[in-house]
Amino acid sequence: MSDHLVGRATSHSRVTLSRIMNATDVNLYGTVHGGVLMKFVDDVAGASAARHSGGTAVTAAIDEILFVEPVRVGDLVHAYAQVNWTGSTSMEVGVKLTAERWDTAGGEPLTVATAYLVFVGVDVSGQPRRIPPVLPETSEDERRFREAIIRREHRLARRKAIQDARATPAE
């Protein structure tokens, strides 16, 4: 079996999920709980990662999640995801959540959150497996690819700095 995997276009990994937020989703402040939105982000990112990798992919890290605007009960929330970057077994998935306000039907969807997650393709025994490279198609895809590399470098540098600090005896 060849180790060479055929690359997949960015558009191959694009996934959209939509959901109306209901009363069981609210926090004490009457808006949708951040944890509900985080699960929605992880769900759409996982679907995108699985689509790109052609099999099971698991969440390895959440690099960033920004809540830009509150989400309210009744809002129709759309989650958009795509693979931005790939390594040999891991990939970054970018997610954007938009909301259509229930009380202003027909208005422009409002961006309510953005996130970047890292997934790892795994085999049936749960071990990392090689995944196809992502092939950016547009200048926007190329920008996302470059920015994903920056996030990866920062994530790895932060991890190393913390490991180094732990290895240094306290004074």
N, C-alpha and C. Protein backbone atom coordinates (compact mmCIF):
# COMPACT_ATOMS: atom_id res chain seq x y z
N MET A 1 0.83 -1.18 0.00
CA MET A 1 0.00 0.00 0.00
C MET A 1 0.88 1.25 0.00
N SER A 2 0.54 2.21 -0.82
CA SER A 2 1.32 3.44 -0.95
C SER A 2 1.04 4.37 0.22
N ASP A 3 2.08 5.07 0.66
CA ASP A 3 1.95 6.08 1.71
C ASP A 3 1.46 7.40 1.14
N HIS A 4 1.46 7.51 -0.20
CA HIS A 4 1.05 8.76 -0.85
C HIS A 4 -0.46 8.89 -0.85
N LEU A 5 -0.94 9.98 -0.30
CA LEU A 5 -2.38 10.25 -0.28
C LEU A 5 -2.68 11.39 -1.24
N VAL A 6 -3.73 11.23 -2.00
CA VAL A 6 -4.15 12.28 -2.93
C VAL A 6 -4.78 13.41 -2.13
N GLY A 7 -4.37 14.63 -2.44
CA GLY A 7 -4.89 15.79 -1.75
C GLY A 7 -6.36 16.02 -2.05
N ARG A 8 -7.01 16.72 -1.15
CA ARG A 8 -8.43 17.06 -1.32
C ARG A 8 -8.59 18.57 -1.26
N ALA A 9 -9.40 19.08 -2.15
CA ALA A 9 -9.67 20.52 -2.20
C ALA A 9 -10.34 20.98 -0.92
N THR A 10 -10.10 22.22 -0.57
CA THR A 10 -10.73 22.80 0.62
C THR A 10 -12.24 22.62 0.59
N SER A 11 -12.83 22.82 -0.58
CA SER A 11 -14.30 22.74 -0.69
C SER A 11 -14.84 21.36 -0.33
N HIS A 12 -14.00 20.32 -0.46
CA HIS A 12 -14.44 18.96 -0.11
C HIS A 12 -14.81 18.86 1.37
N SER A 13 -14.15 19.66 2.21
CA SER A 13 -14.36 19.55 3.67
C SER A 13 -15.44 20.49 4.20
N ARG A 14 -16.00 21.32 3.35
CA ARG A 14 -16.96 22.31 3.86
C ARG A 14 -18.25 21.64 4.32
N VAL A 15 -18.68 22.03 5.52
CA VAL A 15 -19.90 21.49 6.13
C VAL A 15 -20.68 22.65 6.74
N THR A 16 -22.00 22.58 6.62
CA THR A 16 -22.87 23.55 7.27
C THR A 16 -23.91 22.80 8.08
N LEU A 17 -24.08 23.17 9.34
CA LEU A 17 -25.15 22.66 10.18
C LEU A 17 -25.97 23.85 10.65
N SER A 18 -27.26 23.65 10.81
CA SER A 18 -28.13 24.72 11.28
C SER A 18 -29.03 24.21 12.39
N ARG A 19 -29.34 25.11 13.32
CA ARG A 19 -30.14 24.71 14.48
C ARG A 19 -30.86 25.92 15.06
N ILE A 20 -32.11 25.74 15.44
CA ILE A 20 -32.85 26.78 16.16
C ILE A 20 -32.56 26.60 17.65
N MET A 21 -32.14 27.67 18.30
CA MET A 21 -31.84 27.61 19.72
C MET A 21 -33.15 27.68 20.52
N ASN A 22 -33.25 26.83 21.55
CA ASN A 22 -34.50 26.79 22.32
C ASN A 22 -34.26 27.04 23.80
N ALA A 23 -35.32 27.01 24.57
CA ALA A 23 -35.27 27.37 25.99
C ALA A 23 -34.34 26.49 26.81
N THR A 24 -34.10 25.26 26.39
CA THR A 24 -33.19 24.39 27.15
C THR A 24 -31.73 24.78 26.95
N ASP A 25 -31.45 25.70 26.02
CA ASP A 25 -30.08 26.10 25.71
C ASP A 25 -29.61 27.33 26.50
N VAL A 26 -30.49 27.95 27.29
CA VAL A 26 -30.14 29.24 27.90
C VAL A 26 -29.35 29.10 29.20
N ASN A 27 -28.61 30.17 29.48
CA ASN A 27 -27.87 30.28 30.74
C ASN A 27 -28.67 31.17 31.70
N LEU A 28 -28.08 31.51 32.82
CA LEU A 28 -28.76 32.34 33.82
C LEU A 28 -29.04 33.76 33.34
N TYR A 29 -28.41 34.18 32.27
CA TYR A 29 -28.57 35.54 31.75
C TYR A 29 -29.62 35.61 30.64
N GLY A 30 -30.21 34.47 30.31
CA GLY A 30 -31.25 34.45 29.29
C GLY A 30 -30.75 34.36 27.86
N THR A 31 -29.44 34.16 27.68
CA THR A 31 -28.88 33.96 26.35
C THR A 31 -28.40 32.51 26.25
N VAL A 32 -28.06 32.09 25.04
CA VAL A 32 -27.63 30.70 24.85
C VAL A 32 -26.29 30.49 25.54
N HIS A 33 -26.19 29.43 26.28
CA HIS A 33 -25.00 29.06 27.05
C HIS A 33 -23.83 28.83 26.10
N GLY A 34 -22.67 29.37 26.48
CA GLY A 34 -21.46 29.18 25.68
C GLY A 34 -21.14 27.72 25.44
N GLY A 35 -21.40 26.86 26.41
CA GLY A 35 -21.13 25.44 26.25
C GLY A 35 -21.96 24.79 25.16
N VAL A 36 -23.20 25.26 25.01
CA VAL A 36 -24.06 24.76 23.93
C VAL A 36 -23.45 25.13 22.59
N LEU A 37 -22.97 26.37 22.48
CA LEU A 37 -22.34 26.81 21.23
C LEU A 37 -21.03 26.08 20.99
N MET A 38 -20.27 25.82 22.07
CA MET A 38 -19.01 25.08 21.91
C MET A 38 -19.26 23.67 21.38
N LYS A 39 -20.29 23.01 21.88
CA LYS A 39 -20.62 21.67 21.37
C LYS A 39 -21.01 21.73 19.91
N PHE A 40 -21.79 22.75 19.53
CA PHE A 40 -22.20 22.93 18.14
C PHE A 40 -20.97 23.14 17.26
N VAL A 41 -20.02 23.96 17.73
CA VAL A 41 -18.75 24.19 17.02
C VAL A 41 -18.01 22.87 16.85
N ASP A 42 -17.89 22.09 17.92
CA ASP A 42 -17.17 20.81 17.86
C ASP A 42 -17.87 19.83 16.92
N ASP A 43 -19.19 19.82 16.92
CA ASP A 43 -19.94 18.93 16.03
C ASP A 43 -19.67 19.23 14.56
N VAL A 44 -19.77 20.50 14.18
CA VAL A 44 -19.58 20.85 12.77
C VAL A 44 -18.11 20.67 12.37
N ALA A 45 -17.19 21.00 13.28
CA ALA A 45 -15.76 20.82 12.98
C ALA A 45 -15.44 19.33 12.82
N GLY A 46 -16.03 18.50 13.67
CA GLY A 46 -15.81 17.05 13.57
C GLY A 46 -16.32 16.48 12.26
N ALA A 47 -17.47 16.97 11.81
CA ALA A 47 -18.01 16.51 10.52
C ALA A 47 -17.09 16.92 9.38
N SER A 48 -16.56 18.13 9.45
CA SER A 48 -15.64 18.61 8.41
C SER A 48 -14.35 17.79 8.42
N ALA A 49 -13.80 17.54 9.60
CA ALA A 49 -12.56 16.76 9.73
C ALA A 49 -12.75 15.33 9.22
N ALA A 50 -13.88 14.73 9.56
CA ALA A 50 -14.16 13.36 9.10
C ALA A 50 -14.32 13.33 7.58
N ARG A 51 -15.01 14.33 7.04
CA ARG A 51 -15.21 14.39 5.59
C ARG A 51 -13.86 14.50 4.89
N HIS A 52 -13.00 15.41 5.38
CA HIS A 52 -11.69 15.59 4.74
C HIS A 52 -10.82 14.35 4.87
N SER A 53 -10.78 13.80 6.08
CA SER A 53 -9.85 12.69 6.33
C SER A 53 -10.36 11.35 5.84
N GLY A 54 -11.65 11.28 5.52
CA GLY A 54 -12.19 10.02 5.01
C GLY A 54 -12.42 8.99 6.09
N GLY A 55 -12.60 9.42 7.32
CA GLY A 55 -12.82 8.48 8.42
C GLY A 55 -12.87 9.21 9.74
N THR A 56 -12.68 8.45 10.80
CA THR A 56 -12.78 9.01 12.14
C THR A 56 -11.68 10.04 12.40
N ALA A 57 -12.09 11.16 13.00
CA ALA A 57 -11.16 12.20 13.42
C ALA A 57 -11.63 12.67 14.79
N VAL A 58 -10.69 12.87 15.69
CA VAL A 58 -11.03 13.27 17.06
C VAL A 58 -10.47 14.64 17.37
N THR A 59 -11.16 15.36 18.25
CA THR A 59 -10.71 16.69 18.67
C THR A 59 -9.45 16.55 19.51
N ALA A 60 -8.39 17.26 19.11
CA ALA A 60 -7.14 17.24 19.87
C ALA A 60 -6.95 18.53 20.66
N ALA A 61 -7.44 19.65 20.11
CA ALA A 61 -7.26 20.94 20.78
C ALA A 61 -8.25 21.95 20.21
N ILE A 62 -8.57 22.91 21.04
CA ILE A 62 -9.31 24.08 20.56
C ILE A 62 -8.33 25.24 20.73
N ASP A 63 -7.87 25.77 19.60
CA ASP A 63 -6.90 26.85 19.65
C ASP A 63 -7.54 28.15 20.12
N GLU A 64 -8.75 28.40 19.66
CA GLU A 64 -9.38 29.68 19.98
C GLU A 64 -10.86 29.56 19.72
N ILE A 65 -11.64 30.19 20.58
CA ILE A 65 -13.06 30.37 20.31
C ILE A 65 -13.41 31.77 20.79
N LEU A 66 -13.99 32.54 19.91
CA LEU A 66 -14.39 33.91 20.24
C LEU A 66 -15.89 34.01 20.14
N PHE A 67 -16.51 34.48 21.22
CA PHE A 67 -17.94 34.75 21.22
C PHE A 67 -18.08 36.25 20.94
N VAL A 68 -18.61 36.58 19.78
CA VAL A 68 -18.66 37.97 19.32
C VAL A 68 -19.96 38.67 19.72
N GLU A 69 -21.06 37.94 19.64
CA GLU A 69 -22.38 38.48 19.96
C GLU A 69 -23.18 37.41 20.70
N PRO A 70 -24.06 37.81 21.61
CA PRO A 70 -24.89 36.80 22.28
C PRO A 70 -25.88 36.16 21.32
N VAL A 71 -26.21 34.91 21.60
CA VAL A 71 -27.21 34.18 20.84
C VAL A 71 -28.43 34.05 21.73
N ARG A 72 -29.61 34.23 21.13
CA ARG A 72 -30.85 34.23 21.92
C ARG A 72 -31.72 33.05 21.55
N VAL A 73 -32.61 32.70 22.45
CA VAL A 73 -33.60 31.66 22.17
C VAL A 73 -34.38 32.07 20.93
N GLY A 74 -34.59 31.13 20.04
CA GLY A 74 -35.32 31.39 18.80
C GLY A 74 -34.43 31.71 17.62
N ASP A 75 -33.17 32.09 17.89
CA ASP A 75 -32.26 32.38 16.79
C ASP A 75 -31.98 31.12 15.99
N LEU A 76 -31.93 31.26 14.67
CA LEU A 76 -31.50 30.17 13.79
C LEU A 76 -30.00 30.34 13.61
N VAL A 77 -29.23 29.39 14.15
CA VAL A 77 -27.78 29.49 14.12
C VAL A 77 -27.24 28.53 13.07
N HIS A 78 -26.36 29.06 12.22
CA HIS A 78 -25.70 28.28 11.18
C HIS A 78 -24.23 28.14 11.56
N ALA A 79 -23.71 26.93 11.48
CA ALA A 79 -22.30 26.66 11.75
C ALA A 79 -21.64 26.23 10.45
N TYR A 80 -20.60 26.97 10.06
CA TYR A 80 -19.86 26.69 8.82
C TYR A 80 -18.45 26.25 9.20
N ALA A 81 -17.98 25.16 8.60
CA ALA A 81 -16.64 24.65 8.92
C ALA A 81 -15.92 24.22 7.65
N GLN A 82 -14.59 24.33 7.70
CA GLN A 82 -13.76 23.79 6.63
C GLN A 82 -12.38 23.51 7.19
N VAL A 83 -11.68 22.57 6.57
CA VAL A 83 -10.30 22.29 6.93
C VAL A 83 -9.43 23.38 6.32
N ASN A 84 -8.63 24.03 7.17
CA ASN A 84 -7.75 25.12 6.72
C ASN A 84 -6.34 24.65 6.42
N TRP A 85 -5.87 23.64 7.15
CA TRP A 85 -4.47 23.20 7.07
C TRP A 85 -4.42 21.74 7.46
N THR A 86 -3.45 21.01 6.89
CA THR A 86 -3.24 19.63 7.28
C THR A 86 -1.76 19.36 7.49
N GLY A 87 -1.48 18.49 8.45
CA GLY A 87 -0.16 17.92 8.64
C GLY A 87 -0.24 16.48 8.15
N SER A 88 0.57 15.61 8.72
CA SER A 88 0.51 14.21 8.28
C SER A 88 -0.66 13.46 8.91
N THR A 89 -1.00 13.78 10.17
CA THR A 89 -2.13 13.12 10.83
C THR A 89 -3.13 14.11 11.42
N SER A 90 -2.74 15.39 11.51
CA SER A 90 -3.61 16.38 12.13
C SER A 90 -4.06 17.42 11.12
N MET A 91 -5.10 18.15 11.51
CA MET A 91 -5.65 19.20 10.65
C MET A 91 -6.28 20.28 11.51
N GLU A 92 -6.26 21.51 10.99
CA GLU A 92 -6.97 22.59 11.64
C GLU A 92 -8.29 22.80 10.91
N VAL A 93 -9.36 22.95 11.69
CA VAL A 93 -10.67 23.24 11.13
C VAL A 93 -11.10 24.61 11.64
N GLY A 94 -11.49 25.48 10.72
CA GLY A 94 -12.02 26.79 11.08
C GLY A 94 -13.53 26.73 11.09
N VAL A 95 -14.14 27.41 12.05
CA VAL A 95 -15.61 27.41 12.20
C VAL A 95 -16.09 28.84 12.36
N LYS A 96 -17.21 29.15 11.73
CA LYS A 96 -17.89 30.43 11.93
C LYS A 96 -19.35 30.13 12.24
N LEU A 97 -19.87 30.77 13.30
CA LEU A 97 -21.29 30.66 13.62
C LEU A 97 -21.96 31.98 13.27
N THR A 98 -23.09 31.89 12.58
CA THR A 98 -23.90 33.08 12.32
C THR A 98 -25.29 32.83 12.87
N ALA A 99 -25.99 33.91 13.18
CA ALA A 99 -27.35 33.79 13.70
C ALA A 99 -28.30 34.66 12.90
N GLU A 100 -29.45 34.09 12.62
CA GLU A 100 -30.57 34.85 12.07
C GLU A 100 -31.50 35.08 13.25
N ARG A 101 -31.70 36.34 13.59
CA ARG A 101 -32.54 36.68 14.73
C ARG A 101 -33.99 36.35 14.43
N TRP A 102 -34.65 35.70 15.36
CA TRP A 102 -36.04 35.27 15.17
C TRP A 102 -36.99 36.44 15.03
N ASP A 103 -36.63 37.57 15.67
CA ASP A 103 -37.54 38.71 15.66
C ASP A 103 -37.28 39.70 14.53
N THR A 104 -36.28 39.41 13.70
CA THR A 104 -36.00 40.24 12.53
C THR A 104 -35.79 39.34 11.33
N ALA A 105 -36.76 38.47 11.09
CA ALA A 105 -36.66 37.51 9.99
C ALA A 105 -36.34 38.22 8.69
N GLY A 106 -35.44 37.64 7.94
CA GLY A 106 -35.06 38.21 6.66
C GLY A 106 -33.88 39.16 6.76
N GLY A 107 -33.45 39.46 7.98
CA GLY A 107 -32.28 40.33 8.16
C GLY A 107 -31.00 39.59 7.84
N GLU A 108 -29.94 40.33 7.72
CA GLU A 108 -28.63 39.73 7.44
C GLU A 108 -28.19 38.86 8.63
N PRO A 109 -27.68 37.65 8.36
CA PRO A 109 -27.13 36.85 9.47
C PRO A 109 -25.97 37.59 10.14
N LEU A 110 -25.90 37.45 11.44
CA LEU A 110 -24.90 38.13 12.25
C LEU A 110 -23.86 37.12 12.71
N THR A 111 -22.58 37.42 12.51
CA THR A 111 -21.54 36.52 13.01
C THR A 111 -21.55 36.58 14.53
N VAL A 112 -21.70 35.41 15.17
CA VAL A 112 -21.78 35.37 16.63
C VAL A 112 -20.58 34.68 17.28
N ALA A 113 -19.83 33.88 16.52
CA ALA A 113 -18.65 33.22 17.09
C ALA A 113 -17.75 32.72 15.96
N THR A 114 -16.46 32.61 16.28
CA THR A 114 -15.50 31.98 15.38
C THR A 114 -14.62 31.07 16.24
N ALA A 115 -14.07 30.04 15.61
CA ALA A 115 -13.23 29.09 16.36
C ALA A 115 -12.26 28.38 15.44
N TYR A 116 -11.17 27.91 16.05
CA TYR A 116 -10.18 27.08 15.34
C TYR A 116 -9.91 25.87 16.21
N LEU A 117 -10.08 24.69 15.62
CA LEU A 117 -9.89 23.43 16.34
C LEU A 117 -8.88 22.57 15.62
N VAL A 118 -8.20 21.71 16.37
CA VAL A 118 -7.26 20.76 15.79
C VAL A 118 -7.84 19.37 15.96
N PHE A 119 -7.86 18.62 14.87
CA PHE A 119 -8.33 17.24 14.88
C PHE A 119 -7.22 16.32 14.42
N VAL A 120 -7.28 15.08 14.88
CA VAL A 120 -6.34 14.05 14.45
C VAL A 120 -7.15 12.91 13.85
N GLY A 121 -6.75 12.47 12.66
CA GLY A 121 -7.36 11.30 12.07
C GLY A 121 -6.89 10.07 12.83
N VAL A 122 -7.82 9.17 13.17
CA VAL A 122 -7.44 7.96 13.91
C VAL A 122 -8.00 6.72 13.20
N ASP A 123 -7.28 5.61 13.40
CA ASP A 123 -7.73 4.34 12.83
C ASP A 123 -8.67 3.63 13.81
N VAL A 124 -9.06 2.40 13.48
CA VAL A 124 -10.04 1.69 14.31
C VAL A 124 -9.52 1.40 15.72
N SER A 125 -8.20 1.37 15.90
CA SER A 125 -7.66 1.14 17.24
C SER A 125 -7.37 2.44 17.99
N GLY A 126 -7.75 3.58 17.37
CA GLY A 126 -7.57 4.87 18.02
C GLY A 126 -6.19 5.47 17.84
N GLN A 127 -5.39 4.88 16.97
CA GLN A 127 -4.05 5.39 16.72
C GLN A 127 -4.07 6.40 15.58
N PRO A 128 -3.22 7.44 15.64
CA PRO A 128 -3.18 8.41 14.54
C PRO A 128 -2.93 7.73 13.20
N ARG A 129 -3.62 8.24 12.18
CA ARG A 129 -3.42 7.71 10.82
C ARG A 129 -3.18 8.88 9.88
N ARG A 130 -2.50 8.58 8.78
CA ARG A 130 -2.21 9.62 7.79
C ARG A 130 -3.50 10.12 7.17
N ILE A 131 -3.52 11.42 6.90
CA ILE A 131 -4.69 12.03 6.26
C ILE A 131 -4.24 12.71 4.97
N PRO A 132 -5.18 12.92 4.04
CA PRO A 132 -4.81 13.59 2.80
C PRO A 132 -4.46 15.06 3.04
N PRO A 133 -3.53 15.59 2.24
CA PRO A 133 -3.25 17.03 2.35
C PRO A 133 -4.44 17.84 1.85
N VAL A 134 -4.61 19.03 2.41
CA VAL A 134 -5.64 19.93 1.92
C VAL A 134 -5.04 20.76 0.79
N LEU A 135 -5.85 21.02 -0.23
CA LEU A 135 -5.41 21.80 -1.38
C LEU A 135 -6.23 23.09 -1.44
N PRO A 136 -5.66 24.20 -0.95
CA PRO A 136 -6.39 25.47 -1.00
C PRO A 136 -6.76 25.82 -2.44
N GLU A 137 -7.99 26.32 -2.60
CA GLU A 137 -8.48 26.62 -3.95
C GLU A 137 -8.52 28.10 -4.27
N THR A 138 -8.68 28.93 -3.27
CA THR A 138 -8.85 30.37 -3.50
C THR A 138 -7.81 31.14 -2.69
N SER A 139 -7.71 32.43 -2.95
CA SER A 139 -6.79 33.26 -2.17
C SER A 139 -7.22 33.27 -0.69
N GLU A 140 -8.53 33.22 -0.44
CA GLU A 140 -9.03 33.14 0.94
C GLU A 140 -8.58 31.83 1.61
N ASP A 141 -8.65 30.72 0.87
CA ASP A 141 -8.19 29.43 1.40
C ASP A 141 -6.69 29.47 1.68
N GLU A 142 -5.94 30.12 0.80
CA GLU A 142 -4.49 30.23 1.00
C GLU A 142 -4.17 31.07 2.23
N ARG A 143 -4.92 32.16 2.43
CA ARG A 143 -4.75 32.99 3.63
C ARG A 143 -5.03 32.16 4.88
N ARG A 144 -6.13 31.41 4.88
CA ARG A 144 -6.48 30.57 6.03
C ARG A 144 -5.38 29.54 6.30
N PHE A 145 -4.81 28.96 5.24
CA PHE A 145 -3.74 27.98 5.36
C PHE A 145 -2.53 28.62 6.05
N ARG A 146 -2.12 29.80 5.59
CA ARG A 146 -0.96 30.50 6.18
C ARG A 146 -1.21 30.84 7.65
N GLU A 147 -2.41 31.34 7.96
CA GLU A 147 -2.72 31.71 9.34
C GLU A 147 -2.77 30.47 10.24
N ALA A 148 -3.21 29.34 9.70
CA ALA A 148 -3.24 28.09 10.48
C ALA A 148 -1.83 27.67 10.86
N ILE A 149 -0.88 27.88 9.97
CA ILE A 149 0.51 27.55 10.27
C ILE A 149 1.00 28.41 11.44
N ILE A 150 0.64 29.68 11.44
CA ILE A 150 1.03 30.58 12.54
C ILE A 150 0.43 30.09 13.85
N ARG A 151 -0.87 29.73 13.83
CA ARG A 151 -1.50 29.23 15.06
C ARG A 151 -0.81 27.96 15.55
N ARG A 152 -0.46 27.07 14.62
CA ARG A 152 0.22 25.82 14.98
C ARG A 152 1.58 26.11 15.62
N GLU A 153 2.36 27.01 15.00
CA GLU A 153 3.67 27.36 15.55
C GLU A 153 3.53 27.93 16.96
N HIS A 154 2.53 28.79 17.18
CA HIS A 154 2.31 29.37 18.51
C HIS A 154 1.90 28.30 19.51
N ARG A 155 1.02 27.38 19.10
CA ARG A 155 0.56 26.31 19.98
C ARG A 155 1.75 25.44 20.41
N LEU A 156 2.60 25.07 19.45
CA LEU A 156 3.75 24.22 19.77
C LEU A 156 4.79 24.96 20.61
N ALA A 157 5.01 26.24 20.32
CA ALA A 157 5.96 27.03 21.12
C ALA A 157 5.46 27.20 22.55
N ARG A 158 4.15 27.45 22.71
CA ARG A 158 3.57 27.59 24.05
C ARG A 158 3.73 26.29 24.83
N ARG A 159 3.43 25.16 24.17
CA ARG A 159 3.57 23.86 24.83
C ARG A 159 5.01 23.62 25.26
N LYS A 160 5.97 23.94 24.39
CA LYS A 160 7.38 23.74 24.73
C LYS A 160 7.79 24.65 25.88
N ALA A 161 7.36 25.92 25.85
CA ALA A 161 7.72 26.87 26.92
C ALA A 161 7.19 26.38 28.27
N ILE A 162 5.99 25.84 28.29
CA ILE A 162 5.41 25.33 29.53
C ILE A 162 6.19 24.10 30.01
N GLN A 163 6.52 23.20 29.08
CA GLN A 163 7.30 22.01 29.45
C GLN A 163 8.67 22.42 30.00
N ASP A 164 9.30 23.40 29.36
CA ASP A 164 10.61 23.89 29.83
C ASP A 164 10.48 24.50 31.22
N ALA A 165 9.43 25.27 31.45
CA ALA A 165 9.22 25.90 32.77
C ALA A 165 9.01 24.85 33.84
N ARG A 166 8.31 23.78 33.51
CA ARG A 166 8.08 22.72 34.49
C ARG A 166 9.35 21.96 34.81
N ALA A 167 10.27 21.90 33.83
CA ALA A 167 11.52 21.16 34.02
C ALA A 167 12.53 21.96 34.82
N THR A 168 12.31 23.27 34.95
CA THR A 168 13.21 24.13 35.69
C THR A 168 12.79 24.15 37.16
N PRO A 169 13.71 23.80 38.07
CA PRO A 169 13.35 23.81 39.50
C PRO A 169 12.99 25.23 39.97
N ALA A 170 12.00 25.29 40.83
CA ALA A 170 11.59 26.59 41.40
C ALA A 170 12.64 27.08 42.35
N GLU A 171 12.81 28.37 42.40
CA GLU A 171 13.83 28.95 43.30
C GLU A 171 13.30 29.11 44.69
